[in-house]
C-alpha atoms as a PDB file:
ATOM      1  CA  MET A   1       1.866 -41.252 -53.906  1.00  0.00           C
ATOM      2  CA  LYS A   2       5.130 -39.413 -54.434  1.00  0.00           C
ATOM      3  CA  LEU A   3       7.894 -40.995 -56.463  1.00  0.00           C
ATOM      4  CA  ASP A   4      11.537 -40.839 -55.437  1.00  0.00           C
ATOM      5  CA  PRO A   5      13.444 -38.592 -57.871  1.00  0.00           C
ATOM      6  CA  ALA A   6      16.709 -39.552 -56.135  1.00  0.00           C
ATOM      7  CA  ASN A   7      16.166 -43.197 -56.990  1.00  0.00           C
ATOM      8  CA  PHE A   8      18.392 -44.496 -59.780  1.00  0.00           C
ATOM      9  CA  ILE A   9      15.266 -45.985 -61.388  1.00  0.00           C
ATOM     10  CA  PRO A  10      13.753 -43.491 -63.895  1.00  0.00           C
ATOM     11  CA  LEU A  11      10.437 -41.947 -62.863  1.00  0.00           C
ATOM     12  CA  TYR A  12       8.505 -43.468 -65.755  1.00  0.00           C
ATOM     13  CA  VAL A  13       9.780 -46.927 -64.762  1.00  0.00           C
ATOM     14  CA  GLN A  14       8.663 -46.316 -61.172  1.00  0.00           C
ATOM     15  CA  ILE A  15       5.191 -45.526 -62.528  1.00  0.00           C
ATOM     16  CA  ILE A  16       5.211 -48.711 -64.618  1.00  0.00           C
ATOM     17  CA  ASN A  17       6.209 -50.727 -61.548  1.00  0.00           C
ATOM     18  CA  HIS A  18       3.475 -49.121 -59.452  1.00  0.00           C
ATOM     19  CA  ILE A  19       0.733 -49.819 -62.019  1.00  0.00           C
ATOM     20  CA  THR A  20       2.057 -53.352 -62.552  1.00  0.00           C
ATOM     21  CA  GLU A  21       1.877 -54.011 -58.795  1.00  0.00           C
ATOM     22  CA  LYS A  22      -1.752 -52.886 -58.755  1.00  0.00           C
ATOM     23  CA  ILE A  23      -2.554 -55.211 -61.650  1.00  0.00           C
ATOM     24  CA  GLU A  24      -0.782 -58.166 -60.052  1.00  0.00           C
ATOM     25  CA  SER A  25      -2.454 -57.547 -56.677  1.00  0.00           C
ATOM     26  CA  GLY A  26      -5.881 -57.471 -58.317  1.00  0.00           C
ATOM     27  CA  GLU A  27      -6.580 -53.843 -57.456  1.00  0.00           C
ATOM     28  CA  TYR A  28      -6.683 -53.159 -61.189  1.00  0.00           C
ATOM     29  CA  LYS A  29      -8.604 -56.019 -62.788  1.00  0.00           C
ATOM     30  CA  GLU A  30      -8.579 -57.214 -66.390  1.00  0.00           C
ATOM     31  CA  GLY A  31     -10.720 -54.951 -68.542  1.00  0.00           C
ATOM     32  CA  GLN A  32     -10.832 -52.257 -65.845  1.00  0.00           C
ATOM     33  CA  LYS A  33     -10.227 -48.626 -66.705  1.00  0.00           C
ATOM     34  CA  ILE A  34      -7.252 -47.108 -64.904  1.00  0.00           C
ATOM     35  CA  PRO A  35      -7.024 -43.433 -63.821  1.00  0.00           C
ATOM     36  CA  SER A  36      -6.444 -40.880 -66.567  1.00  0.00           C
ATOM     37  CA  GLU A  37      -2.970 -39.579 -67.319  1.00  0.00           C
ATOM     38  CA  ALA A  38      -3.862 -36.258 -65.695  1.00  0.00           C
ATOM     39  CA  GLU A  39      -5.023 -38.056 -62.543  1.00  0.00           C
ATOM     40  CA  LEU A  40      -1.881 -40.188 -62.443  1.00  0.00           C
ATOM     41  CA  ALA A  41       0.302 -37.107 -62.911  1.00  0.00           C
ATOM     42  CA  ARG A  42      -1.339 -35.521 -59.865  1.00  0.00           C
ATOM     43  CA  GLU A  43      -1.082 -38.752 -57.877  1.00  0.00           C
ATOM     44  CA  PHE A  44       2.613 -39.242 -58.608  1.00  0.00           C
ATOM     45  CA  LYS A  45       3.424 -35.506 -58.601  1.00  0.00           C
ATOM     46  CA  VAL A  46       5.197 -35.687 -61.954  1.00  0.00           C
ATOM     47  CA  SER A  47       4.701 -34.136 -65.367  1.00  0.00           C
ATOM     48  CA  ARG A  48       2.070 -35.543 -67.666  1.00  0.00           C
ATOM     49  CA  ILE A  49       4.788 -36.283 -70.229  1.00  0.00           C
ATOM     50  CA  THR A  50       6.380 -38.712 -67.767  1.00  0.00           C
ATOM     51  CA  VAL A  51       3.052 -40.477 -67.217  1.00  0.00           C
ATOM     52  CA  THR A  52       2.366 -40.612 -70.961  1.00  0.00           C
ATOM     53  CA  ASN A  53       5.766 -42.220 -71.509  1.00  0.00           C
ATOM     54  CA  ALA A  54       4.998 -44.905 -68.912  1.00  0.00           C
ATOM     55  CA  ILE A  55       1.507 -45.620 -70.229  1.00  0.00           C
ATOM     56  CA  GLN A  56       2.680 -45.771 -73.836  1.00  0.00           C
ATOM     57  CA  ARG A  57       5.325 -48.344 -72.951  1.00  0.00           C
ATOM     58  CA  MET A  58       2.762 -50.481 -71.127  1.00  0.00           C
ATOM     59  CA  VAL A  59       0.450 -50.257 -74.139  1.00  0.00           C
ATOM     60  CA  GLN A  60       3.282 -51.307 -76.441  1.00  0.00           C
ATOM     61  CA  GLU A  61       4.060 -54.366 -74.317  1.00  0.00           C
ATOM     62  CA  GLY A  62       0.376 -55.329 -74.205  1.00  0.00           C
ATOM     63  CA  THR A  63      -0.234 -54.786 -70.468  1.00  0.00           C
ATOM     64  CA  LEU A  64      -2.651 -51.925 -71.138  1.00  0.00           C
ATOM     65  CA  TYR A  65      -4.716 -50.875 -74.121  1.00  0.00           C
ATOM     66  CA  ARG A  66      -6.272 -47.580 -75.122  1.00  0.00           C
ATOM     67  CA  GLN A  67      -9.762 -47.021 -76.424  1.00  0.00           C
ATOM     68  CA  GLN A  68     -10.309 -43.713 -78.173  1.00  0.00           C
ATOM     69  CA  GLY A  69     -12.615 -41.423 -76.240  1.00  0.00           C
ATOM     70  CA  LYS A  70     -12.924 -43.821 -73.304  1.00  0.00           C
ATOM     71  CA  GLY A  71      -9.516 -44.157 -71.667  1.00  0.00           C
ATOM     72  CA  THR A  72      -6.874 -46.756 -70.862  1.00  0.00           C
ATOM     73  CA  PHE A  73      -7.716 -50.266 -69.691  1.00  0.00           C
ATOM     74  CA  VAL A  74      -5.975 -53.333 -68.277  1.00  0.00           C
ATOM     75  CA  ALA A  75      -5.491 -55.947 -70.989  1.00  0.00           C
ATOM     76  CA  ARG A  76      -6.466 -59.544 -70.498  1.00  0.00           C
ATOM     77  CA  LYS A  77      -3.523 -61.773 -69.727  1.00  0.00           C
ATOM     78  CA  LYS A  78      -5.010 -65.000 -71.021  1.00  0.00           C
ATOM     79  CA  PRO A  79      -5.006 -65.088 -74.829  1.00  0.00           C
ATOM     80  CA  VAL A  80      -7.922 -66.432 -76.810  1.00  0.00           C
ATOM     81  CA  GLU A  81      -7.441 -70.060 -77.822  1.00  0.00           C
ATOM     82  CA  HIS A  82      -8.065 -70.204 -81.555  1.00  0.00           C
ATOM     83  CA  ARG A  83      -8.923 -73.772 -82.541  1.00  0.00           C
ATOM     84  CA  LEU A  84      -7.952 -74.519 -86.117  1.00  0.00           C
ATOM     85  CA  THR A  85     -10.478 -77.351 -86.327  1.00  0.00           C
ATOM     86  CA  SER A  86     -13.550 -75.135 -85.778  1.00  0.00           C
ATOM     87  CA  LEU A  87     -15.256 -73.238 -88.600  1.00  0.00           C
ATOM     88  CA  LEU A  88     -16.698 -70.212 -86.806  1.00  0.00           C
ATOM     89  CA  SER A  89     -17.115 -66.537 -87.495  1.00  0.00           C
ATOM     90  CA  PHE A  90     -15.378 -64.055 -85.192  1.00  0.00           C
ATOM     91  CA  THR A  91     -18.729 -63.222 -83.600  1.00  0.00           C
ATOM     92  CA  GLU A  92     -19.653 -66.858 -82.984  1.00  0.00           C
ATOM     93  CA  ASP A  93     -16.211 -67.610 -81.571  1.00  0.00           C
ATOM     94  CA  MET A  94     -16.126 -64.676 -79.139  1.00  0.00           C
ATOM     95  CA  VAL A  95     -19.747 -64.990 -78.007  1.00  0.00           C
ATOM     96  CA  SER A  96     -19.170 -68.678 -77.224  1.00  0.00           C
ATOM     97  CA  ARG A  97     -16.384 -67.568 -74.871  1.00  0.00           C
ATOM     98  CA  GLY A  98     -18.552 -65.028 -73.087  1.00  0.00           C
ATOM     99  CA  TYR A  99     -17.197 -61.869 -74.698  1.00  0.00           C
ATOM    100  CA  ARG A 100     -19.277 -58.908 -75.790  1.00  0.00           C
ATOM    101  CA  VAL A 101     -18.597 -58.393 -79.494  1.00  0.00           C
ATOM    102  CA  SER A 102     -18.608 -55.092 -81.354  1.00  0.00           C
ATOM    103  CA  THR A 103     -17.401 -53.967 -84.763  1.00  0.00           C
ATOM    104  CA  ARG A 104     -16.108 -50.772 -86.340  1.00  0.00           C
ATOM    105  CA  LEU A 105     -16.569 -50.496 -90.092  1.00  0.00           C
ATOM    106  CA  ILE A 106     -13.496 -48.896 -91.674  1.00  0.00           C
ATOM    107  CA  ALA A 107     -14.252 -49.303 -95.383  1.00  0.00           C
ATOM    108  CA  PHE A 108     -17.010 -50.586 -97.642  1.00  0.00           C
ATOM    109  CA  GLU A 109     -16.570 -50.282-101.385  1.00  0.00           C
ATOM    110  CA  ARG A 110     -17.202 -51.896-104.754  1.00  0.00           C
ATOM    111  CA  MET A 111     -14.001 -52.478-106.683  1.00  0.00           C
ATOM    112  CA  PRO A 112     -12.345 -54.678-109.322  1.00  0.00           C
ATOM    113  CA  ALA A 113     -11.163 -57.913-107.753  1.00  0.00           C
ATOM    114  CA  PRO A 114      -7.439 -57.824-106.879  1.00  0.00           C
ATOM    115  CA  GLU A 115      -5.519 -60.560-108.657  1.00  0.00           C
ATOM    116  CA  LYS A 116      -5.023 -62.647-105.507  1.00  0.00           C
ATOM    117  CA  VAL A 117      -8.771 -62.481-104.791  1.00  0.00           C
ATOM    118  CA  ARG A 118      -9.726 -63.202-108.402  1.00  0.00           C
ATOM    119  CA  GLN A 119      -7.597 -66.326-108.476  1.00  0.00           C
ATOM    120  CA  ALA A 120      -8.710 -67.584-105.064  1.00  0.00           C
ATOM    121  CA  LEU A 121     -12.416 -67.133-105.835  1.00  0.00           C
ATOM    122  CA  GLU A 122     -12.029 -68.198-109.482  1.00  0.00           C
ATOM    123  CA  LEU A 123     -13.547 -64.979-110.831  1.00  0.00           C
ATOM    124  CA  SER A 124     -13.325 -63.468-114.292  1.00  0.00           C
ATOM    125  CA  LYS A 125     -11.090 -60.454-114.818  1.00  0.00           C
ATOM    126  CA  GLU A 126     -14.068 -58.124-115.082  1.00  0.00           C
ATOM    127  CA  ALA A 127     -15.823 -59.406-111.951  1.00  0.00           C
ATOM    128  CA  PRO A 128     -16.306 -56.724-109.277  1.00  0.00           C
ATOM    129  CA  VAL A 129     -16.187 -57.503-105.566  1.00  0.00           C
ATOM    130  CA  TRP A 130     -17.258 -55.860-102.351  1.00  0.00           C
ATOM    131  CA  ARG A 131     -14.368 -54.938-100.046  1.00  0.00           C
ATOM    132  CA  ILE A 132     -15.305 -54.794 -96.362  1.00  0.00           C
ATOM    133  CA  LYS A 133     -12.680 -53.727 -93.816  1.00  0.00           C
ATOM    134  CA  ARG A 134     -13.604 -53.928 -90.139  1.00  0.00           C
ATOM    135  CA  VAL A 135     -11.985 -53.814 -86.706  1.00  0.00           C
ATOM    136  CA  ARG A 136     -13.361 -56.520 -84.412  1.00  0.00           C
ATOM    137  CA  TYR A 137     -13.598 -55.983 -80.658  1.00  0.00           C
ATOM    138  CA  ALA A 138     -14.129 -58.275 -77.670  1.00  0.00           C
ATOM    139  CA  ASP A 139     -15.320 -56.426 -74.557  1.00  0.00           C
ATOM    140  CA  ASP A 140     -14.243 -53.158 -76.247  1.00  0.00           C
ATOM    141  CA  GLU A 141     -10.671 -54.367 -76.794  1.00  0.00           C
ATOM    142  CA  PRO A 142      -9.493 -54.456 -80.436  1.00  0.00           C
ATOM    143  CA  MET A 143      -8.647 -58.028 -81.355  1.00  0.00           C
ATOM    144  CA  ALA A 144      -8.435 -58.181 -85.131  1.00  0.00           C
ATOM    145  CA  ILE A 145      -8.591 -56.292 -88.411  1.00  0.00           C
ATOM    146  CA  GLN A 146     -10.534 -58.201 -91.051  1.00  0.00           C
ATOM    147  CA  THR A 147     -10.743 -57.344 -94.738  1.00  0.00           C
ATOM    148  CA  ALA A 148     -13.272 -59.446 -96.642  1.00  0.00           C
ATOM    149  CA  TYR A 149     -13.841 -59.626-100.399  1.00  0.00           C
ATOM    150  CA  LEU A 150     -17.202 -60.920-101.654  1.00  0.00           C
ATOM    151  CA  PRO A 151     -18.270 -61.332-105.314  1.00  0.00           C
ATOM    152  CA  GLU A 152     -20.892 -58.778-106.282  1.00  0.00           C
ATOM    153  CA  SER A 153     -22.540 -61.407-108.484  1.00  0.00           C
ATOM    154  CA  LEU A 154     -23.513 -63.397-105.392  1.00  0.00           C
ATOM    155  CA  PHE A 155     -24.396 -60.407-103.211  1.00  0.00           C
ATOM    156  CA  PRO A 156     -25.769 -57.741-105.587  1.00  0.00           C
ATOM    157  CA  GLU A 157     -27.683 -55.673-103.033  1.00  0.00           C
ATOM    158  CA  LEU A 158     -25.142 -55.727-100.221  1.00  0.00           C
ATOM    159  CA  ASP A 159     -24.886 -52.449 -98.329  1.00  0.00           C
ATOM    160  CA  GLU A 160     -23.079 -51.251 -95.237  1.00  0.00           C
ATOM    161  CA  LYS A 161     -26.184 -50.908 -93.050  1.00  0.00           C
ATOM    162  CA  GLY A 162     -26.101 -54.507 -91.907  1.00  0.00           C
ATOM    163  CA  LEU A 163     -22.348 -54.696 -91.425  1.00  0.00           C
ATOM    164  CA  GLY A 164     -22.149 -52.967 -88.047  1.00  0.00           C
ATOM    165  CA  ASN A 165     -22.152 -55.415 -85.179  1.00  0.00           C
ATOM    166  CA  ASN A 166     -23.616 -58.285 -87.161  1.00  0.00           C
ATOM    167  CA  SER A 167     -21.813 -61.495 -88.004  1.00  0.00           C
ATOM    168  CA  LEU A 168     -21.033 -61.418 -91.720  1.00  0.00           C
ATOM    169  CA  TYR A 169     -21.865 -65.118 -92.015  1.00  0.00           C
ATOM    170  CA  LYS A 170     -25.201 -64.575 -90.281  1.00  0.00           C
ATOM    171  CA  LEU A 171     -26.011 -61.664 -92.589  1.00  0.00           C
ATOM    172  CA  LEU A 172     -25.173 -63.664 -95.719  1.00  0.00           C
ATOM    173  CA  LYS A 173     -27.209 -66.625 -94.521  1.00  0.00           C
ATOM    174  CA  GLU A 174     -30.302 -64.604 -93.602  1.00  0.00           C
ATOM    175  CA  THR A 175     -30.246 -62.262 -96.605  1.00  0.00           C
ATOM    176  CA  TYR A 176     -28.784 -64.402 -99.398  1.00  0.00           C
ATOM    177  CA  HIS A 177     -29.321 -67.931 -98.042  1.00  0.00           C
ATOM    178  CA  ILE A 178     -25.622 -68.667 -98.434  1.00  0.00           C
ATOM    179  CA  GLN A 179     -24.009 -70.589 -95.603  1.00  0.00           C
ATOM    180  CA  VAL A 180     -20.351 -71.451 -95.211  1.00  0.00           C
ATOM    181  CA  THR A 181     -19.774 -75.200 -95.267  1.00  0.00           C
ATOM    182  CA  GLU A 182     -16.028 -75.347 -95.822  1.00  0.00           C
ATOM    183  CA  ALA A 183     -13.042 -73.037 -95.550  1.00  0.00           C
ATOM    184  CA  VAL A 184      -9.319 -73.213 -96.147  1.00  0.00           C
ATOM    185  CA  GLU A 185      -7.231 -70.999 -93.876  1.00  0.00           C
ATOM    186  CA  GLN A 186      -3.520 -70.214 -93.845  1.00  0.00           C
ATOM    187  CA  TYR A 187      -1.540 -68.479 -91.081  1.00  0.00           C
ATOM    188  CA  ARG A 188       1.814 -66.806 -90.817  1.00  0.00           C
ATOM    189  CA  VAL A 189       3.557 -64.719 -88.179  1.00  0.00           C
ATOM    190  CA  ILE A 190       4.162 -61.052 -88.981  1.00  0.00           C
ATOM    191  CA  VAL A 191       5.075 -57.791 -87.288  1.00  0.00           C
ATOM    192  CA  LEU A 192       2.916 -54.741 -87.857  1.00  0.00           C
ATOM    193  CA  ARG A 193       4.680 -52.451 -90.333  1.00  0.00           C
ATOM    194  CA  LYS A 194       1.797 -50.106 -91.124  1.00  0.00           C
ATOM    195  CA  GLU A 195       1.067 -47.365 -88.607  1.00  0.00           C
ATOM    196  CA  GLU A 196      -2.644 -47.542 -89.442  1.00  0.00           C
ATOM    197  CA  ASP A 197      -2.851 -51.230 -88.505  1.00  0.00           C
ATOM    198  CA  ALA A 198      -1.011 -50.614 -85.235  1.00  0.00           C
ATOM    199  CA  ARG A 199      -3.271 -47.668 -84.444  1.00  0.00           C
ATOM    200  CA  LEU A 200      -6.444 -49.640 -85.141  1.00  0.00           C
ATOM    201  CA  LEU A 201      -5.267 -52.418 -82.820  1.00  0.00           C
ATOM    202  CA  ASN A 202      -3.997 -49.994 -80.147  1.00  0.00           C
ATOM    203  CA  VAL A 203      -0.457 -51.353 -80.245  1.00  0.00           C
ATOM    204  CA  ALA A 204       2.906 -50.128 -81.491  1.00  0.00           C
ATOM    205  CA  THR A 205       4.420 -50.701 -84.902  1.00  0.00           C
ATOM    206  CA  GLU A 206       6.668 -53.790 -84.987  1.00  0.00           C
ATOM    207  CA  PHE A 207       4.154 -55.482 -82.651  1.00  0.00           C
ATOM    208  CA  PRO A 208       3.849 -59.249 -83.323  1.00  0.00           C
ATOM    209  CA  ALA A 209       0.677 -60.467 -85.005  1.00  0.00           C
ATOM    210  CA  LEU A 210      -0.857 -63.376 -86.862  1.00  0.00           C
ATOM    211  CA  PHE A 211      -1.885 -62.901 -90.474  1.00  0.00           C
ATOM    212  CA  SER A 212      -4.444 -65.296 -91.908  1.00  0.00           C
ATOM    213  CA  VAL A 213      -6.187 -65.781 -95.235  1.00  0.00           C
ATOM    214  CA  ARG A 214      -9.500 -67.637 -95.376  1.00  0.00           C
ATOM    215  CA  VAL A 215     -11.247 -68.810 -98.539  1.00  0.00           C
ATOM    216  CA  SER A 216     -14.770 -70.049 -97.827  1.00  0.00           C
ATOM    217  CA  SER A 217     -17.160 -72.176 -99.869  1.00  0.00           C
ATOM    218  CA  CYS A 218     -20.916 -72.703 -99.629  1.00  0.00           C
ATOM    219  CA  SER A 219     -23.028 -75.860-100.004  1.00  0.00           C
ATOM    220  CA  THR A 220     -22.845 -75.721-103.823  1.00  0.00           C
ATOM    221  CA  GLY A 221     -19.053 -75.759-103.666  1.00  0.00           C
ATOM    222  CA  GLU A 222     -18.833 -72.177-104.950  1.00  0.00           C
ATOM    223  CA  LYS A 223     -16.183 -70.006-103.309  1.00  0.00           C
ATOM    224  CA  PHE A 224     -17.777 -66.853-101.958  1.00  0.00           C
ATOM    225  CA  GLU A 225     -15.370 -65.260 -99.466  1.00  0.00           C
ATOM    226  CA  TYR A 226     -11.740 -64.209 -99.366  1.00  0.00           C
ATOM    227  CA  THR A 227     -10.825 -62.704 -95.989  1.00  0.00           C
ATOM    228  CA  GLU A 228      -7.495 -61.430 -94.684  1.00  0.00           C
ATOM    229  CA  SER A 229      -7.241 -61.092 -90.909  1.00  0.00           C
ATOM    230  CA  ILE A 230      -4.604 -59.462 -88.727  1.00  0.00           C
ATOM    231  CA  LEU A 231      -4.836 -60.889 -85.209  1.00  0.00           C
ATOM    232  CA  ARG A 232      -3.064 -59.367 -82.220  1.00  0.00           C
ATOM    233  CA  GLY A 233      -0.166 -61.614 -81.308  1.00  0.00           C
ATOM    234  CA  ASP A 234      -0.661 -61.113 -77.568  1.00  0.00           C
ATOM    235  CA  ARG A 235      -4.343 -62.050 -77.701  1.00  0.00           C
ATOM    236  CA  TYR A 236      -4.310 -65.301 -79.671  1.00  0.00           C
ATOM    237  CA  VAL A 237      -2.823 -68.744 -79.274  1.00  0.00           C
ATOM    238  CA  LEU A 238      -3.342 -71.364 -81.980  1.00  0.00           C
ATOM    239  CA  THR A 239      -4.424 -74.831 -80.909  1.00  0.00           C
ATOM    240  CA  VAL A 240      -4.423 -77.960 -83.064  1.00  0.00           C
ATOM    241  CA  LYS A 241      -5.652 -81.344 -81.857  1.00  0.00           C
ATOM    242  CA  LEU A 242      -3.460 -84.139 -83.203  1.00  0.00           C
ATOM    243  CA  THR A 243      -4.290 -87.825 -83.419  1.00  0.00           C
ATOM    244  CA  PRO A 244      -2.095 -90.746 -84.516  1.00  0.00           C
ATOM    245  CA  ARG A 245      -2.548 -92.008 -88.052  1.00  0.00           C
END
């Protein structure tokens, strides 16, 4: 397909319109990989820079997403409904919806508990914690960045081997016989200021997101988890069921 350079509409916008039409017509389906930038440049008979500009803008608006080493894909239009009344792990939540879950471990370290973590988990000043930072994927699309803090005293032999694609709650239950029975979670709306966060989620800086903090307790009432999550704003909608008093 050859674009019209005489058209008052910029070439990169014409490319955006063309790809959008293919998505809306169903030719490009949700989760489907689109042609590479080199292939699109040949198809449209334009420079690769022009194609890159178009693709980047569609990634920033959430229509497409990139996966390193694999290509560019059509994003899902329907966001995930996050029910605030359900106590589930990310893995349990996504699997129940039919998604294939995967995880990328970014950091695993032993460190002194940050003050906010120490207070939330009621730890002593000297108490060390495990810090676990992971990117969570649903059908290969990055959905969330989660950073969990766990007291070393409760999980002395924790190592990164089991933190790959496993549910953290499942791992803690099977290895340490600790099961979450209650959690308090707070949410607020943010925009992504850090380039690293935007890069990990395959979106642009200033992209809208949800930031949550969860503090979980086990059957003994002891608090064992402090987790901060950054959820893509275009992929989540919060749902609360209300009943009259």
